[in-house]
Amino acid sequence: MSVQKKKARAGFFIILPSLAFLGIFVYYFIFLTIRTSTSNWNSFSSLLSGEYEFVGMRNYQRLFMDPRFQTDLWNTLFFTLFFLAGCIILGIFLANIIDKKLKGSSFFQNLFLFPMAISFVVTGTVWGWIFAPGNIPTSPQGINLLLENLGWTNLQWMWYTSTQSIGKFNLALIPVVIAATWQMSGYVMAMYLAGLRAIPEEMIEAAQVDGATGTQLFWRIKMPMLRPITLSAMIVIGHMSLKIFDLIYAMTGSGPNNVTDMPAVYMFEQMFRSNRYAIASAIAIIMLVMVAAVIIPYLYSSFRGER
């Protein structure tokens, strides 16, 4: 046996345990989830009996006809759009300021990255205190109390307990978007900052010699070169927003009339509170499909670019 074949065989045996764990704890459990989602296991007794009755797509049909799940999908759509836009805009704005290397920029760079060290549970708890509406106008809390002390009582609002909406967009999602953007904008800032510092100085100087203004330099030189960073940031933030759970659960829960509900929260309640295992599994598979719809095209384009 040649040395090259020996190395290949050794490498295969090295990664074999990882492949086994991946196959069991990822793909096998995905298969079990799909199997459960097409069953009638919607009670604890049916789960214990182990009697599998194939019901096809009935659980999925029930979900898409469920008003709460329809609200969850709309909430996910709006949360994803505003969360993504907030992180991208704030991230590139902060990255541009720090890239100027002004005095104290290192301190602010670390300050903006600090929320990344905090879990979404902590973020949700703290921002839940901040946006706690209290009883308006008798005993406001959080930001409403601050507004009262400033004399701006006309700006007091129910925040994440509000049932107001604009079309399908529930306004109670605004505090949730603010909290999520506060935590993740520093991460996006770091991505853009790395991209900005990778742009050759010679290119910037050549554009300045040609008379390019700061605005032209940003939109015609920097932004085109930051497109891969923008795409990566959109993929990371987008897939996080589609499966968001901990922030919502810690900050608001499903909210009154499900105004801040998300598919992951609904899945958790169906699985661990109502023992509707088939419905919960169907929600999990729908979430998997949504995340795959975001990630797979990105991976395909990346592999195609490498080739």
C-alpha atoms as a PDB file:
ATOM      1  CA  MET A   1       0.000   0.000   0.000  1.00  0.00           C
ATOM      2  CA  SER A   2       1.366   3.379  -0.988  1.00  0.00           C
ATOM      3  CA  VAL A   3       2.057   6.141   1.517  1.00  0.00           C
ATOM      4  CA  GLN A   4      -0.657   8.306  -0.015  1.00  0.00           C
ATOM      5  CA  LYS A   5      -3.313   5.596   0.453  1.00  0.00           C
ATOM      6  CA  LYS A   6      -2.201   5.076   4.044  1.00  0.00           C
ATOM      7  CA  LYS A   7      -2.595   8.770   4.748  1.00  0.00           C
ATOM      8  CA  ALA A   8      -6.035   8.789   3.139  1.00  0.00           C
ATOM      9  CA  ARG A   9      -7.132   5.772   5.212  1.00  0.00           C
ATOM     10  CA  ALA A  10      -5.756   7.340   8.402  1.00  0.00           C
ATOM     11  CA  GLY A  11      -7.565  10.576   7.643  1.00  0.00           C
ATOM     12  CA  PHE A  12     -10.818   8.677   7.087  1.00  0.00           C
ATOM     13  CA  PHE A  13     -10.566   6.927  10.461  1.00  0.00           C
ATOM     14  CA  ILE A  14      -9.785  10.256  12.150  1.00  0.00           C
ATOM     15  CA  ILE A  15     -12.977  11.886  10.891  1.00  0.00           C
ATOM     16  CA  LEU A  16     -15.100   8.720  11.222  1.00  0.00           C
ATOM     17  CA  PRO A  17     -16.279   9.491  14.813  1.00  0.00           C
ATOM     18  CA  SER A  18     -17.347  12.988  13.752  1.00  0.00           C
ATOM     19  CA  LEU A  19     -19.222  11.578  10.757  1.00  0.00           C
ATOM     20  CA  ALA A  20     -20.943   9.034  12.998  1.00  0.00           C
ATOM     21  CA  PHE A  21     -22.047  11.687  15.500  1.00  0.00           C
ATOM     22  CA  LEU A  22     -23.187  13.949  12.656  1.00  0.00           C
ATOM     23  CA  GLY A  23     -25.198  11.171  11.089  1.00  0.00           C
ATOM     24  CA  ILE A  24     -26.856  10.163  14.371  1.00  0.00           C
ATOM     25  CA  PHE A  25     -27.435  13.468  16.137  1.00  0.00           C
ATOM     26  CA  VAL A  26     -28.238  15.605  13.074  1.00  0.00           C
ATOM     27  CA  TYR A  27     -29.533  13.691  10.071  1.00  0.00           C
ATOM     28  CA  TYR A  28     -31.127  10.782  11.941  1.00  0.00           C
ATOM     29  CA  PHE A  29     -32.997  13.166  14.235  1.00  0.00           C
ATOM     30  CA  ILE A  30     -34.100  15.235  11.226  1.00  0.00           C
ATOM     31  CA  PHE A  31     -35.509  12.017   9.779  1.00  0.00           C
ATOM     32  CA  LEU A  32     -37.292  11.249  13.079  1.00  0.00           C
ATOM     33  CA  THR A  33     -38.727  14.768  13.153  1.00  0.00           C
ATOM     34  CA  ILE A  34     -40.056  14.397   9.617  1.00  0.00           C
ATOM     35  CA  ARG A  35     -41.534  11.010  10.537  1.00  0.00           C
ATOM     36  CA  THR A  36     -43.190  12.438  13.646  1.00  0.00           C
ATOM     37  CA  SER A  37     -44.597  15.388  11.685  1.00  0.00           C
ATOM     38  CA  THR A  38     -46.498  12.959   9.446  1.00  0.00           C
ATOM     39  CA  SER A  39     -47.952  10.986  12.371  1.00  0.00           C
ATOM     40  CA  ASN A  40     -50.859  11.332  14.782  1.00  0.00           C
ATOM     41  CA  TRP A  41     -48.639  11.728  17.865  1.00  0.00           C
ATOM     42  CA  ASN A  42     -50.541  14.670  19.294  1.00  0.00           C
ATOM     43  CA  SER A  43     -50.898  13.401  22.854  1.00  0.00           C
ATOM     44  CA  PHE A  44     -48.610  11.945  25.488  1.00  0.00           C
ATOM     45  CA  SER A  45     -50.456   8.628  25.444  1.00  0.00           C
ATOM     46  CA  SER A  46     -49.991   8.237  21.686  1.00  0.00           C
ATOM     47  CA  LEU A  47     -46.276   8.880  22.126  1.00  0.00           C
ATOM     48  CA  LEU A  48     -45.964   6.266  24.881  1.00  0.00           C
ATOM     49  CA  SER A  49     -47.925   3.654  22.930  1.00  0.00           C
ATOM     50  CA  GLY A  50     -45.615   4.106  19.969  1.00  0.00           C
ATOM     51  CA  GLU A  51     -48.418   3.350  17.556  1.00  0.00           C
ATOM     52  CA  TYR A  52     -47.499   5.150  14.363  1.00  0.00           C
ATOM     53  CA  GLU A  53     -50.317   6.184  12.103  1.00  0.00           C
ATOM     54  CA  PHE A  54     -49.292   7.942   8.919  1.00  0.00           C
ATOM     55  CA  VAL A  55     -51.462  11.011   8.298  1.00  0.00           C
ATOM     56  CA  GLY A  56     -49.475  12.545   5.448  1.00  0.00           C
ATOM     57  CA  MET A  57     -49.497  16.337   5.247  1.00  0.00           C
ATOM     58  CA  ARG A  58     -52.503  16.786   7.543  1.00  0.00           C
ATOM     59  CA  ASN A  59     -50.466  18.424  10.319  1.00  0.00           C
ATOM     60  CA  TYR A  60     -48.982  20.893   7.847  1.00  0.00           C
ATOM     61  CA  GLN A  61     -52.442  21.698   6.489  1.00  0.00           C
ATOM     62  CA  ARG A  62     -53.663  22.348  10.032  1.00  0.00           C
ATOM     63  CA  LEU A  63     -50.751  24.692  10.654  1.00  0.00           C
ATOM     64  CA  PHE A  64     -51.223  26.812   7.547  1.00  0.00           C
ATOM     65  CA  MET A  65     -54.919  27.107   8.377  1.00  0.00           C
ATOM     66  CA  ASP A  66     -54.115  28.078  11.985  1.00  0.00           C
ATOM     67  CA  PRO A  67     -54.528  31.874  12.528  1.00  0.00           C
ATOM     68  CA  ARG A  68     -51.785  31.881  15.154  1.00  0.00           C
ATOM     69  CA  PHE A  69     -49.263  30.236  12.831  1.00  0.00           C
ATOM     70  CA  GLN A  70     -50.206  32.651  10.065  1.00  0.00           C
ATOM     71  CA  THR A  71     -49.485  35.502  12.491  1.00  0.00           C
ATOM     72  CA  ASP A  72     -46.166  33.849  13.364  1.00  0.00           C
ATOM     73  CA  LEU A  73     -45.116  33.785   9.717  1.00  0.00           C
ATOM     74  CA  TRP A  74     -45.991  37.464   9.233  1.00  0.00           C
ATOM     75  CA  ASN A  75     -44.127  38.335  12.457  1.00  0.00           C
ATOM     76  CA  THR A  76     -41.092  36.395  11.250  1.00  0.00           C
ATOM     77  CA  LEU A  77     -41.149  38.188   7.909  1.00  0.00           C
ATOM     78  CA  PHE A  78     -41.328  41.684   9.416  1.00  0.00           C
ATOM     79  CA  PHE A  79     -38.856  40.889  12.191  1.00  0.00           C
ATOM     80  CA  THR A  80     -36.360  39.533   9.652  1.00  0.00           C
ATOM     81  CA  LEU A  81     -36.672  42.566   7.364  1.00  0.00           C
ATOM     82  CA  PHE A  82     -36.276  45.199  10.083  1.00  0.00           C
ATOM     83  CA  PHE A  83     -33.654  43.250  12.045  1.00  0.00           C
ATOM     84  CA  LEU A  84     -31.614  42.748   8.888  1.00  0.00           C
ATOM     85  CA  ALA A  85     -31.919  46.369   7.787  1.00  0.00           C
ATOM     86  CA  GLY A  86     -31.068  47.691  11.261  1.00  0.00           C
ATOM     87  CA  CYS A  87     -27.962  45.536  11.624  1.00  0.00           C
ATOM     88  CA  ILE A  88     -26.661  46.277   8.109  1.00  0.00           C
ATOM     89  CA  ILE A  89     -27.220  50.045   8.274  1.00  0.00           C
ATOM     90  CA  LEU A  90     -25.949  50.482  11.837  1.00  0.00           C
ATOM     91  CA  GLY A  91     -23.069  48.044  11.323  1.00  0.00           C
ATOM     92  CA  ILE A  92     -21.674  49.775   8.235  1.00  0.00           C
ATOM     93  CA  PHE A  93     -22.196  53.211   9.819  1.00  0.00           C
ATOM     94  CA  LEU A  94     -20.200  52.249  12.913  1.00  0.00           C
ATOM     95  CA  ALA A  95     -17.538  50.506  10.825  1.00  0.00           C
ATOM     96  CA  ASN A  96     -16.997  53.650   8.736  1.00  0.00           C
ATOM     97  CA  ILE A  97     -16.608  55.800  11.832  1.00  0.00           C
ATOM     98  CA  ILE A  98     -14.135  53.418  13.494  1.00  0.00           C
ATOM     99  CA  ASP A  99     -12.207  52.946  10.230  1.00  0.00           C
ATOM    100  CA  LYS A 100     -11.304  56.649  10.326  1.00  0.00           C
ATOM    101  CA  LYS A 101      -9.055  55.729  13.308  1.00  0.00           C
ATOM    102  CA  LEU A 102     -10.079  58.695  15.394  1.00  0.00           C
ATOM    103  CA  LYS A 103      -8.985  59.101  18.991  1.00  0.00           C
ATOM    104  CA  GLY A 104     -10.694  56.515  21.195  1.00  0.00           C
ATOM    105  CA  SER A 105     -11.814  54.376  18.255  1.00  0.00           C
ATOM    106  CA  SER A 106     -10.384  51.204  19.849  1.00  0.00           C
ATOM    107  CA  PHE A 107     -12.432  51.801  22.991  1.00  0.00           C
ATOM    108  CA  PHE A 108     -15.646  52.282  21.032  1.00  0.00           C
ATOM    109  CA  GLN A 109     -14.878  49.280  18.852  1.00  0.00           C
ATOM    110  CA  ASN A 110     -14.745  47.087  21.971  1.00  0.00           C
ATOM    111  CA  LEU A 111     -17.798  48.840  23.390  1.00  0.00           C
ATOM    112  CA  PHE A 112     -19.877  48.103  20.294  1.00  0.00           C
ATOM    113  CA  LEU A 113     -18.708  44.483  20.311  1.00  0.00           C
ATOM    114  CA  PHE A 114     -19.564  43.999  23.992  1.00  0.00           C
ATOM    115  CA  PRO A 115     -23.225  42.955  23.424  1.00  0.00           C
ATOM    116  CA  MET A 116     -21.934  39.956  21.459  1.00  0.00           C
ATOM    117  CA  ALA A 117     -20.650  38.517  24.749  1.00  0.00           C
ATOM    118  CA  ILE A 118     -24.181  38.516  26.198  1.00  0.00           C
ATOM    119  CA  SER A 119     -26.712  35.788  25.522  1.00  0.00           C
ATOM    120  CA  PHE A 120     -30.078  36.592  23.971  1.00  0.00           C
ATOM    121  CA  VAL A 121     -31.727  35.541  27.241  1.00  0.00           C
ATOM    122  CA  VAL A 122     -29.912  38.278  29.163  1.00  0.00           C
ATOM    123  CA  THR A 123     -30.596  40.773  26.381  1.00  0.00           C
ATOM    124  CA  GLY A 124     -34.287  39.899  26.372  1.00  0.00           C
ATOM    125  CA  THR A 125     -34.549  40.193  30.149  1.00  0.00           C
ATOM    126  CA  VAL A 126     -32.827  43.592  30.359  1.00  0.00           C
ATOM    127  CA  TRP A 127     -34.632  45.116  27.391  1.00  0.00           C
ATOM    128  CA  GLY A 128     -37.863  43.672  28.746  1.00  0.00           C
ATOM    129  CA  TRP A 129     -37.308  45.785  31.881  1.00  0.00           C
ATOM    130  CA  ILE A 130     -36.487  48.854  29.773  1.00  0.00           C
ATOM    131  CA  PHE A 131     -39.609  48.579  27.627  1.00  0.00           C
ATOM    132  CA  ALA A 132     -41.910  47.427  30.431  1.00  0.00           C
ATOM    133  CA  PRO A 133     -44.900  49.757  29.952  1.00  0.00           C
ATOM    134  CA  GLY A 134     -46.337  49.611  33.467  1.00  0.00           C
ATOM    135  CA  ASN A 135     -49.743  51.161  34.040  1.00  0.00           C
ATOM    136  CA  ILE A 136     -50.112  54.284  31.925  1.00  0.00           C
ATOM    137  CA  PRO A 137     -50.599  56.994  33.119  1.00  0.00           C
ATOM    138  CA  THR A 138     -50.793  56.123  36.843  1.00  0.00           C
ATOM    139  CA  SER A 139     -47.613  54.104  37.416  1.00  0.00           C
ATOM    140  CA  PRO A 140     -45.423  53.895  34.299  1.00  0.00           C
ATOM    141  CA  GLN A 141     -42.234  51.839  34.277  1.00  0.00           C
ATOM    142  CA  GLY A 142     -39.043  51.656  32.279  1.00  0.00           C
ATOM    143  CA  ILE A 143     -38.782  54.036  29.380  1.00  0.00           C
ATOM    144  CA  ASN A 144     -42.317  55.305  30.015  1.00  0.00           C
ATOM    145  CA  LEU A 145     -41.203  56.525  33.447  1.00  0.00           C
ATOM    146  CA  LEU A 146     -38.281  58.361  31.821  1.00  0.00           C
ATOM    147  CA  LEU A 147     -40.640  59.975  29.326  1.00  0.00           C
ATOM    148  CA  GLU A 148     -42.895  61.082  32.174  1.00  0.00           C
ATOM    149  CA  ASN A 149     -39.969  62.646  34.052  1.00  0.00           C
ATOM    150  CA  LEU A 150     -38.982  64.501  30.872  1.00  0.00           C
ATOM    151  CA  GLY A 151     -42.532  65.742  30.444  1.00  0.00           C
ATOM    152  CA  TRP A 152     -43.047  63.824  27.192  1.00  0.00           C
ATOM    153  CA  THR A 153     -46.100  61.905  28.316  1.00  0.00           C
ATOM    154  CA  ASN A 154     -47.576  62.096  24.815  1.00  0.00           C
ATOM    155  CA  LEU A 155     -44.833  59.662  23.692  1.00  0.00           C
ATOM    156  CA  GLN A 156     -45.722  57.028  26.280  1.00  0.00           C
ATOM    157  CA  TRP A 157     -46.794  53.774  24.709  1.00  0.00           C
ATOM    158  CA  MET A 158     -47.556  50.138  25.590  1.00  0.00           C
ATOM    159  CA  TRP A 159     -44.454  48.977  23.694  1.00  0.00           C
ATOM    160  CA  TYR A 160     -44.281  45.176  23.382  1.00  0.00           C
ATOM    161  CA  THR A 161     -47.739  44.738  24.931  1.00  0.00           C
ATOM    162  CA  SER A 162     -49.385  46.955  22.314  1.00  0.00           C
ATOM    163  CA  THR A 163     -51.950  45.333  20.046  1.00  0.00           C
ATOM    164  CA  GLN A 164     -51.756  48.120  17.455  1.00  0.00           C
ATOM    165  CA  SER A 165     -50.752  47.173  13.931  1.00  0.00           C
ATOM    166  CA  ILE A 166     -50.189  48.625  10.493  1.00  0.00           C
ATOM    167  CA  GLY A 167     -51.680  46.084   8.144  1.00  0.00           C
ATOM    168  CA  LYS A 168     -50.059  42.755   9.071  1.00  0.00           C
ATOM    169  CA  PHE A 169     -47.180  44.436  10.928  1.00  0.00           C
ATOM    170  CA  ASN A 170     -47.629  44.338  14.708  1.00  0.00           C
ATOM    171  CA  LEU A 171     -46.061  47.451  16.246  1.00  0.00           C
ATOM    172  CA  ALA A 172     -45.170  45.447  19.368  1.00  0.00           C
ATOM    173  CA  LEU A 173     -42.289  43.967  17.336  1.00  0.00           C
ATOM    174  CA  ILE A 174     -40.467  47.329  17.343  1.00  0.00           C
ATOM    175  CA  PRO A 175     -38.931  46.907  20.857  1.00  0.00           C
ATOM    176  CA  VAL A 176     -37.905  43.353  19.949  1.00  0.00           C
ATOM    177  CA  VAL A 177     -36.178  44.558  16.764  1.00  0.00           C
ATOM    178  CA  ILE A 178     -34.386  47.272  18.760  1.00  0.00           C
ATOM    179  CA  ALA A 179     -33.102  44.737  21.310  1.00  0.00           C
ATOM    180  CA  ALA A 180     -31.945  42.277  18.632  1.00  0.00           C
ATOM    181  CA  THR A 181     -30.262  45.019  16.585  1.00  0.00           C
ATOM    182  CA  TRP A 182     -28.470  46.311  19.705  1.00  0.00           C
ATOM    183  CA  GLN A 183     -26.954  42.874  20.252  1.00  0.00           C
ATOM    184  CA  MET A 184     -25.987  41.926  16.695  1.00  0.00           C
ATOM    185  CA  SER A 185     -25.036  45.245  15.071  1.00  0.00           C
ATOM    186  CA  GLY A 186     -21.582  45.039  16.678  1.00  0.00           C
ATOM    187  CA  TYR A 187     -20.985  41.702  14.953  1.00  0.00           C
ATOM    188  CA  VAL A 188     -21.945  43.170  11.583  1.00  0.00           C
ATOM    189  CA  MET A 189     -19.740  46.178  12.348  1.00  0.00           C
ATOM    190  CA  ALA A 190     -16.753  43.864  12.886  1.00  0.00           C
ATOM    191  CA  MET A 191     -17.405  42.152   9.543  1.00  0.00           C
ATOM    192  CA  TYR A 192     -17.561  45.456   7.670  1.00  0.00           C
ATOM    193  CA  LEU A 193     -14.548  46.814   9.537  1.00  0.00           C
ATOM    194  CA  ALA A 194     -12.478  43.813   8.429  1.00  0.00           C
ATOM    195  CA  GLY A 195     -13.674  44.375   4.854  1.00  0.00           C
ATOM    196  CA  LEU A 196     -12.871  48.088   4.908  1.00  0.00           C
ATOM    197  CA  ARG A 197      -9.357  47.491   6.189  1.00  0.00           C
ATOM    198  CA  ALA A 198      -8.771  44.887   3.473  1.00  0.00           C
ATOM    199  CA  ILE A 199      -9.335  47.479   0.719  1.00  0.00           C
ATOM    200  CA  PRO A 200      -5.922  48.470  -0.711  1.00  0.00           C
ATOM    201  CA  GLU A 201      -4.840  51.966   0.278  1.00  0.00           C
ATOM    202  CA  GLU A 202      -3.492  52.490  -3.250  1.00  0.00           C
ATOM    203  CA  MET A 203      -7.014  52.208  -4.658  1.00  0.00           C
ATOM    204  CA  ILE A 204      -8.363  54.774  -2.191  1.00  0.00           C
ATOM    205  CA  GLU A 205      -5.497  57.176  -2.879  1.00  0.00           C
ATOM    206  CA  ALA A 206      -5.910  56.799  -6.665  1.00  0.00           C
ATOM    207  CA  ALA A 207      -9.609  57.650  -6.392  1.00  0.00           C
ATOM    208  CA  GLN A 208      -8.818  60.696  -4.243  1.00  0.00           C
ATOM    209  CA  VAL A 209      -6.222  61.876  -6.751  1.00  0.00           C
ATOM    210  CA  ASP A 210      -8.895  61.591  -9.472  1.00  0.00           C
ATOM    211  CA  GLY A 211     -11.053  63.959  -7.435  1.00  0.00           C
ATOM    212  CA  ALA A 212     -13.497  61.488  -5.845  1.00  0.00           C
ATOM    213  CA  THR A 213     -15.437  62.942  -2.911  1.00  0.00           C
ATOM    214  CA  GLY A 214     -16.034  61.054   0.320  1.00  0.00           C
ATOM    215  CA  THR A 215     -19.545  60.073  -0.816  1.00  0.00           C
ATOM    216  CA  GLN A 216     -18.328  58.887  -4.202  1.00  0.00           C
ATOM    217  CA  LEU A 217     -15.487  56.997  -2.553  1.00  0.00           C
ATOM    218  CA  PHE A 218     -17.941  55.171  -0.312  1.00  0.00           C
ATOM    219  CA  TRP A 219     -20.586  54.263  -2.887  1.00  0.00           C
ATOM    220  CA  ARG A 220     -18.372  53.590  -5.927  1.00  0.00           C
ATOM    221  CA  ILE A 221     -15.241  52.095  -4.395  1.00  0.00           C
ATOM    222  CA  LYS A 222     -15.937  50.726  -0.936  1.00  0.00           C
ATOM    223  CA  MET A 223     -19.507  49.409  -1.222  1.00  0.00           C
ATOM    224  CA  PRO A 224     -18.896  47.329  -4.397  1.00  0.00           C
ATOM    225  CA  MET A 225     -15.914  45.713  -2.687  1.00  0.00           C
ATOM    226  CA  LEU A 226     -17.987  45.057   0.434  1.00  0.00           C
ATOM    227  CA  ARG A 227     -20.709  43.111  -1.386  1.00  0.00           C
ATOM    228  CA  PRO A 228     -19.423  39.703  -0.205  1.00  0.00           C
ATOM    229  CA  ILE A 229     -19.426  41.032   3.385  1.00  0.00           C
ATOM    230  CA  THR A 230     -22.990  42.295   2.944  1.00  0.00           C
ATOM    231  CA  LEU A 231     -24.119  38.930   1.596  1.00  0.00           C
ATOM    232  CA  SER A 232     -22.453  37.054   4.467  1.00  0.00           C
ATOM    233  CA  ALA A 233     -24.004  39.389   7.028  1.00  0.00           C
ATOM    234  CA  MET A 234     -27.440  38.948   5.449  1.00  0.00           C
ATOM    235  CA  ILE A 235     -27.113  35.158   5.587  1.00  0.00           C
ATOM    236  CA  VAL A 236     -25.978  35.104   9.228  1.00  0.00           C
ATOM    237  CA  ILE A 237     -28.556  37.606  10.481  1.00  0.00           C
ATOM    238  CA  GLY A 238     -31.290  36.201   8.258  1.00  0.00           C
ATOM    239  CA  HIS A 239     -30.982  32.617   9.444  1.00  0.00           C
ATOM    240  CA  MET A 240     -30.814  33.776  13.073  1.00  0.00           C
ATOM    241  CA  SER A 241     -34.030  35.761  12.716  1.00  0.00           C
ATOM    242  CA  LEU A 242     -35.902  32.851  11.135  1.00  0.00           C
ATOM    243  CA  LYS A 243     -35.286  30.613  14.148  1.00  0.00           C
ATOM    244  CA  ILE A 244     -35.273  33.243  16.902  1.00  0.00           C
ATOM    245  CA  PHE A 245     -36.546  31.897  20.234  1.00  0.00           C
ATOM    246  CA  ASP A 246     -34.551  32.860  23.321  1.00  0.00           C
ATOM    247  CA  LEU A 247     -34.835  36.638  22.871  1.00  0.00           C
ATOM    248  CA  ILE A 248     -38.588  36.473  22.276  1.00  0.00           C
ATOM    249  CA  TYR A 249     -39.237  34.014  25.093  1.00  0.00           C
ATOM    250  CA  ALA A 250     -37.199  35.997  27.632  1.00  0.00           C
ATOM    251  CA  MET A 251     -38.431  39.441  26.598  1.00  0.00           C
ATOM    252  CA  THR A 252     -42.083  39.181  25.613  1.00  0.00           C
ATOM    253  CA  GLY A 253     -43.283  35.634  25.127  1.00  0.00           C
ATOM    254  CA  SER A 254     -46.043  35.323  22.564  1.00  0.00           C
ATOM    255  CA  GLY A 255     -47.573  38.600  23.778  1.00  0.00           C
ATOM    256  CA  PRO A 256     -51.256  39.598  23.872  1.00  0.00           C
ATOM    257  CA  ASN A 257     -53.064  38.259  20.804  1.00  0.00           C
ATOM    258  CA  ASN A 258     -49.724  36.697  19.752  1.00  0.00           C
ATOM    259  CA  VAL A 259     -48.375  40.084  18.632  1.00  0.00           C
ATOM    260  CA  THR A 260     -44.763  39.023  19.266  1.00  0.00           C
ATOM    261  CA  ASP A 261     -45.160  35.303  18.682  1.00  0.00           C
ATOM    262  CA  MET A 262     -42.699  33.396  16.493  1.00  0.00           C
ATOM    263  CA  PRO A 263     -42.707  29.855  15.060  1.00  0.00           C
ATOM    264  CA  ALA A 264     -40.048  28.692  17.532  1.00  0.00           C
ATOM    265  CA  VAL A 265     -42.104  29.908  20.511  1.00  0.00           C
ATOM    266  CA  TYR A 266     -45.208  28.214  19.123  1.00  0.00           C
ATOM    267  CA  MET A 267     -43.227  24.999  18.578  1.00  0.00           C
ATOM    268  CA  PHE A 268     -41.942  25.074  22.166  1.00  0.00           C
ATOM    269  CA  GLU A 269     -45.438  25.499  23.577  1.00  0.00           C
ATOM    270  CA  GLN A 270     -46.893  22.764  21.386  1.00  0.00           C
ATOM    271  CA  MET A 271     -44.115  20.332  22.299  1.00  0.00           C
ATOM    272  CA  PHE A 272     -43.591  20.886  26.022  1.00  0.00           C
ATOM    273  CA  ARG A 273     -46.896  22.327  27.204  1.00  0.00           C
ATOM    274  CA  SER A 274     -49.556  20.795  24.990  1.00  0.00           C
ATOM    275  CA  ASN A 275     -47.762  17.496  24.164  1.00  0.00           C
ATOM    276  CA  ARG A 276     -48.722  17.911  20.501  1.00  0.00           C
ATOM    277  CA  TYR A 277     -45.551  16.303  19.218  1.00  0.00           C
ATOM    278  CA  ALA A 278     -46.627  15.929  15.586  1.00  0.00           C
ATOM    279  CA  ILE A 279     -47.668  19.580  15.266  1.00  0.00           C
ATOM    280  CA  ALA A 280     -44.442  20.738  16.963  1.00  0.00           C
ATOM    281  CA  SER A 281     -42.384  18.553  14.619  1.00  0.00           C
ATOM    282  CA  ALA A 282     -44.199  20.004  11.613  1.00  0.00           C
ATOM    283  CA  ILE A 283     -43.335  23.534  12.813  1.00  0.00           C
ATOM    284  CA  ALA A 284     -39.692  22.455  13.233  1.00  0.00           C
ATOM    285  CA  ILE A 285     -39.546  21.117   9.664  1.00  0.00           C
ATOM    286  CA  ILE A 286     -41.104  24.312   8.281  1.00  0.00           C
ATOM    287  CA  MET A 287     -38.443  26.326  10.138  1.00  0.00           C
ATOM    288  CA  LEU A 288     -35.753  24.013   8.741  1.00  0.00           C
ATOM    289  CA  VAL A 289     -37.037  24.598   5.208  1.00  0.00           C
ATOM    290  CA  MET A 290     -37.067  28.379   5.741  1.00  0.00           C
ATOM    291  CA  VAL A 291     -33.468  28.372   7.004  1.00  0.00           C
ATOM    292  CA  ALA A 292     -32.372  26.037   4.195  1.00  0.00           C
ATOM    293  CA  ALA A 293     -33.982  28.373   1.645  1.00  0.00           C
ATOM    294  CA  VAL A 294     -31.649  31.105   2.906  1.00  0.00           C
ATOM    295  CA  ILE A 295     -28.431  29.110   3.382  1.00  0.00           C
ATOM    296  CA  ILE A 296     -28.394  26.624   0.478  1.00  0.00           C
ATOM    297  CA  PRO A 297     -28.312  29.239  -2.335  1.00  0.00           C
ATOM    298  CA  TYR A 298     -25.482  31.003  -0.511  1.00  0.00           C
ATOM    299  CA  LEU A 299     -23.489  27.759  -0.169  1.00  0.00           C
ATOM    300  CA  TYR A 300     -24.141  26.899  -3.801  1.00  0.00           C
ATOM    301  CA  SER A 301     -22.903  30.281  -5.010  1.00  0.00           C
ATOM    302  CA  SER A 302     -19.851  30.041  -2.734  1.00  0.00           C
ATOM    303  CA  PHE A 303     -18.852  26.577  -4.015  1.00  0.00           C
ATOM    304  CA  ARG A 304     -19.511  27.665  -7.574  1.00  0.00           C
ATOM    305  CA  GLY A 305     -17.289  30.724  -7.057  1.00  0.00           C
ATOM    306  CA  GLU A 306     -14.489  28.554  -5.686  1.00  0.00           C
ATOM    307  CA  ARG A 307     -14.645  26.289  -8.733  1.00  0.00           C
END
